[in-house]
Amino acid sequence: MTQAIDLISSPPSPLSLQDFLVLDSSDDRLYELIEGEPMPMSDPTANHEDVADNLCDLLRLHCLEKNLPLIPKRSKLISIGSRNGRDTARRGDIVVFAKAEWERMKGLSSSAMAYIAPPLVIEVVSTNWRDDYLTKLAEYESIGVEEYWIVDYGALGGMRYIGHPKQSTLSIYTMDTDTGEFGMPQQFRGDNKIRSTVVPELVVTAKALWKED
């Protein structure tokens, strides 16, 4: 039996992904693993949680109605891999798993997380918007995520990313399988109907994602 590690008083450094998954956190906070170091996540705002919850519910219902082999989940870890022997795992606001991969994990005793690149990852932008537009974009690209959505309902991102004047924007990055890189983002605002390769039959406007009047 694996012995839990006390995250607060005696975490080893660097921490491996497997050790990170059995951490015993006494403060009930969510953590990511960044190059072998456990990093506590900031508590999200109520608006952030509402947007993420509503979008996850929308995707879950759509996948059920269309019988898609996809399982949307909130706040799940994604293995990014190792750099210089130090593991990284991000916690996506919404992670859409392939159904076969989710079913496979149900037979495991280890934590439910994306050990392989999920088809879709969604981040709802908060004050650390540079992480979503720069760091996580590069990380999700590096592992081959098929599609990456950045939901900037509060127009927090820099003007180079969402334009001027700044307004609520959904940016969708799609993997180019020939180059192994994300292409230029499609951006949707207001009454624009979104277009996705992962959920191509989803009919919804950008503003509906964040309940904009």
Protein backbone atom coordinates (compact mmCIF):
# COMPACT_ATOMS: atom_id res chain seq x y z
CA MET A 1 0.00 0.00 0.00
CA THR A 2 1.36 3.41 -0.99
CA GLN A 3 1.95 5.69 1.96
CA ALA A 4 0.54 9.19 1.57
CA ILE A 5 2.98 12.07 1.62
CA ASP A 6 2.33 15.12 3.78
CA LEU A 7 2.34 18.01 1.33
CA ILE A 8 2.50 20.68 3.99
CA SER A 9 5.26 19.56 6.35
CA SER A 10 7.61 17.31 4.40
CA PRO A 11 7.21 17.20 0.63
CA PRO A 12 10.19 15.68 -1.19
CA SER A 13 11.76 17.85 -3.86
CA PRO A 14 11.48 17.39 -6.73
CA LEU A 15 8.22 15.50 -6.49
CA SER A 16 7.42 12.80 -9.05
CA LEU A 17 4.00 12.69 -10.67
CA GLN A 18 3.15 9.41 -8.94
CA ASP A 19 4.11 10.79 -5.52
CA PHE A 20 2.13 13.94 -6.24
CA LEU A 21 -1.00 11.88 -6.88
CA VAL A 22 -0.91 10.39 -3.39
CA LEU A 23 -0.20 13.62 -1.56
CA ASP A 24 -1.96 14.12 1.74
CA SER A 25 -2.96 17.77 1.68
CA SER A 26 -4.24 18.91 5.06
CA ASP A 27 -5.58 22.25 3.80
CA ASP A 28 -8.13 20.92 1.24
CA ARG A 29 -6.73 23.12 -1.54
CA LEU A 30 -6.23 22.01 -5.12
CA TYR A 31 -2.66 21.76 -6.38
CA GLU A 32 -0.80 21.53 -9.67
CA LEU A 33 2.65 20.03 -10.11
CA ILE A 34 5.02 22.47 -11.80
CA GLU A 35 8.45 21.04 -12.64
CA GLY A 36 8.40 18.82 -9.57
CA GLU A 37 7.04 21.44 -7.16
CA PRO A 38 3.46 21.27 -5.79
CA MET A 39 1.80 24.64 -6.34
CA PRO A 40 -1.48 25.61 -4.62
CA MET A 41 -4.14 27.01 -6.91
CA SER A 42 -5.86 30.28 -6.11
CA ASP A 43 -9.48 30.01 -5.06
CA PRO A 44 -11.63 30.99 -8.08
CA THR A 45 -14.29 33.67 -7.98
CA ALA A 46 -17.98 32.80 -7.98
CA ASN A 47 -18.31 34.14 -11.55
CA HIS A 48 -15.39 31.98 -12.70
CA GLU A 49 -16.98 28.87 -11.16
CA ASP A 50 -20.40 29.63 -12.65
CA VAL A 51 -18.97 30.01 -16.15
CA ALA A 52 -16.93 26.81 -15.85
CA ASP A 53 -19.77 24.80 -14.29
CA ASN A 54 -22.35 25.98 -16.83
CA LEU A 55 -20.06 25.24 -19.77
CA CYS A 56 -19.19 21.79 -18.45
CA ASP A 57 -22.91 21.03 -17.98
CA LEU A 58 -23.63 22.25 -21.52
CA LEU A 59 -20.93 20.02 -22.98
CA ARG A 60 -22.00 17.03 -20.90
CA LEU A 61 -25.61 17.34 -22.07
CA HIS A 62 -24.53 17.82 -25.69
CA CYS A 63 -22.30 14.74 -25.62
CA LEU A 64 -25.14 12.66 -24.18
CA GLU A 65 -27.71 13.94 -26.68
CA LYS A 66 -25.40 13.35 -29.65
CA ASN A 67 -24.02 10.08 -28.24
CA LEU A 68 -20.47 11.40 -28.55
CA PRO A 69 -17.62 9.30 -27.11
CA LEU A 70 -16.55 12.19 -24.88
CA ILE A 71 -16.67 12.72 -21.10
CA PRO A 72 -16.39 16.35 -19.86
CA LYS A 73 -15.07 16.72 -16.31
CA ARG A 74 -14.22 19.67 -14.05
CA SER A 75 -10.82 20.42 -12.51
CA LYS A 76 -8.97 17.27 -13.58
CA LEU A 77 -5.21 16.95 -13.83
CA ILE A 78 -3.40 16.66 -17.16
CA SER A 79 0.04 15.11 -17.38
CA ILE A 80 2.32 17.48 -19.31
CA GLY A 81 5.42 15.31 -19.06
CA SER A 82 8.91 15.74 -17.70
CA ARG A 83 11.52 18.45 -18.24
CA ASN A 84 15.02 17.90 -16.89
CA GLY A 85 13.66 15.04 -14.81
CA ARG A 86 10.96 17.20 -13.23
CA ASP A 87 7.30 16.31 -13.84
CA THR A 88 4.49 18.76 -14.56
CA ALA A 89 0.74 18.23 -14.28
CA ARG A 90 -1.79 20.99 -14.92
CA ARG A 91 -5.35 21.11 -13.61
CA GLY A 92 -7.67 22.20 -16.40
CA ASP A 93 -10.90 24.02 -15.60
CA ILE A 94 -12.67 21.58 -17.94
CA VAL A 95 -11.05 18.46 -19.37
CA VAL A 96 -12.95 16.52 -22.03
CA PHE A 97 -11.76 12.92 -22.00
CA ALA A 98 -12.15 10.32 -24.72
CA LYS A 99 -14.80 7.93 -23.38
CA ALA A 100 -12.58 4.89 -23.92
CA GLU A 101 -9.80 6.48 -21.86
CA TRP A 102 -12.21 7.41 -19.07
CA GLU A 103 -13.61 3.87 -18.99
CA ARG A 104 -10.07 2.49 -18.85
CA MET A 105 -9.26 4.69 -15.85
CA LYS A 106 -12.34 3.44 -14.00
CA GLY A 107 -10.58 0.12 -13.68
CA LEU A 108 -7.50 1.67 -12.08
CA SER A 109 -6.84 2.49 -8.44
CA SER A 110 -4.82 5.61 -9.31
CA SER A 111 -6.25 9.12 -9.58
CA ALA A 112 -8.49 9.98 -12.51
CA MET A 113 -6.41 12.29 -14.66
CA ALA A 114 -5.44 12.76 -18.30
CA TYR A 115 -2.38 10.54 -18.64
CA ILE A 116 -2.57 11.00 -22.42
CA ALA A 117 -3.59 14.15 -24.31
CA PRO A 118 -7.36 14.71 -24.02
CA PRO A 119 -9.30 15.82 -27.11
CA LEU A 120 -10.30 19.14 -25.53
CA VAL A 121 -9.09 21.31 -22.67
CA ILE A 122 -10.86 24.50 -21.58
CA GLU A 123 -9.45 27.22 -19.36
CA VAL A 124 -11.63 30.00 -17.95
CA VAL A 125 -9.44 33.09 -17.67
CA SER A 126 -8.73 34.66 -14.29
CA THR A 127 -6.25 37.30 -13.18
CA ASN A 128 -3.27 35.09 -14.10
CA TRP A 129 -4.32 35.29 -17.74
CA ARG A 130 -0.75 34.99 -19.05
CA ASP A 131 -0.70 31.36 -17.90
CA ASP A 132 -3.69 30.57 -20.13
CA TYR A 133 -2.56 32.49 -23.22
CA LEU A 134 1.15 31.62 -23.04
CA THR A 135 2.29 28.86 -20.70
CA LYS A 136 -0.64 26.47 -20.90
CA LEU A 137 -1.05 27.07 -24.62
CA ALA A 138 2.51 25.86 -25.18
CA GLU A 139 2.12 22.95 -22.76
CA TYR A 140 -1.12 21.66 -24.25
CA GLU A 141 0.33 22.04 -27.73
CA SER A 142 3.41 20.04 -26.71
CA ILE A 143 1.36 17.00 -25.67
CA GLY A 144 -0.95 17.07 -28.70
CA VAL A 145 -4.25 18.34 -27.29
CA GLU A 146 -6.63 18.44 -30.26
CA GLU A 147 -8.42 21.63 -29.27
CA TYR A 148 -7.85 24.28 -26.59
CA TRP A 149 -10.47 26.84 -25.60
CA ILE A 150 -9.68 30.01 -23.67
CA VAL A 151 -12.88 31.48 -22.22
CA ASP A 152 -12.06 35.11 -21.42
CA TYR A 153 -15.50 36.19 -20.21
CA GLY A 154 -14.04 39.09 -18.21
CA ALA A 155 -11.87 40.42 -21.08
CA LEU A 156 -8.80 40.12 -18.86
CA GLY A 157 -6.27 39.07 -21.50
CA GLY A 158 -3.87 41.48 -23.15
CA MET A 159 -4.99 43.40 -26.24
CA ARG A 160 -2.59 41.38 -28.40
CA TYR A 161 -4.72 38.32 -27.59
CA ILE A 162 -8.30 39.65 -27.59
CA GLY A 163 -8.04 42.89 -29.54
CA HIS A 164 -8.98 46.51 -28.88
CA PRO A 165 -11.34 47.52 -27.43
CA LYS A 166 -11.15 44.54 -25.10
CA GLN A 167 -14.33 42.48 -24.89
CA SER A 168 -15.43 39.05 -23.74
CA THR A 169 -13.85 36.54 -26.12
CA LEU A 170 -13.70 32.79 -26.70
CA SER A 171 -10.45 31.78 -28.43
CA ILE A 172 -10.31 28.28 -29.93
CA TYR A 173 -6.93 26.84 -30.86
CA THR A 174 -7.01 23.73 -33.07
CA MET A 175 -4.12 21.33 -33.57
CA ASP A 176 -2.65 21.14 -37.08
CA THR A 177 -1.81 17.46 -37.40
CA ASP A 178 0.69 18.14 -40.18
CA THR A 179 2.83 20.52 -38.12
CA GLY A 180 2.00 19.33 -34.60
CA GLU A 181 1.25 22.94 -33.67
CA PHE A 182 -1.83 24.98 -32.88
CA GLY A 183 -2.98 27.20 -35.70
CA MET A 184 -4.08 30.79 -35.31
CA PRO A 185 -7.08 30.95 -32.99
CA GLN A 186 -10.66 31.32 -34.09
CA GLN A 187 -12.25 34.00 -31.93
CA PHE A 188 -15.91 34.38 -31.06
CA ARG A 189 -17.73 37.23 -29.34
CA GLY A 190 -21.31 38.23 -28.64
CA ASP A 191 -23.74 36.59 -31.06
CA ASN A 192 -21.02 34.72 -32.98
CA LYS A 193 -21.84 31.01 -33.17
CA ILE A 194 -18.83 28.99 -32.13
CA ARG A 195 -17.18 26.44 -34.42
CA SER A 196 -15.38 23.43 -32.96
CA THR A 197 -13.79 20.37 -34.54
CA VAL A 198 -14.24 18.30 -31.36
CA VAL A 199 -17.95 19.12 -30.91
CA PRO A 200 -18.90 20.24 -34.44
CA GLU A 201 -22.67 19.99 -33.87
CA LEU A 202 -22.67 22.21 -30.79
CA VAL A 203 -24.81 25.24 -31.65
CA VAL A 204 -24.26 28.04 -29.17
CA THR A 205 -23.26 31.69 -29.27
CA ALA A 206 -20.20 32.98 -27.51
CA LYS A 207 -22.20 35.18 -25.14
CA ALA A 208 -24.31 32.20 -24.06
CA LEU A 209 -21.19 30.59 -22.62
CA TRP A 210 -20.89 33.34 -20.02
CA LYS A 211 -24.62 34.19 -19.77
CA GLU A 212 -24.14 37.64 -21.28
CA ASP A 213 -27.37 39.59 -21.82
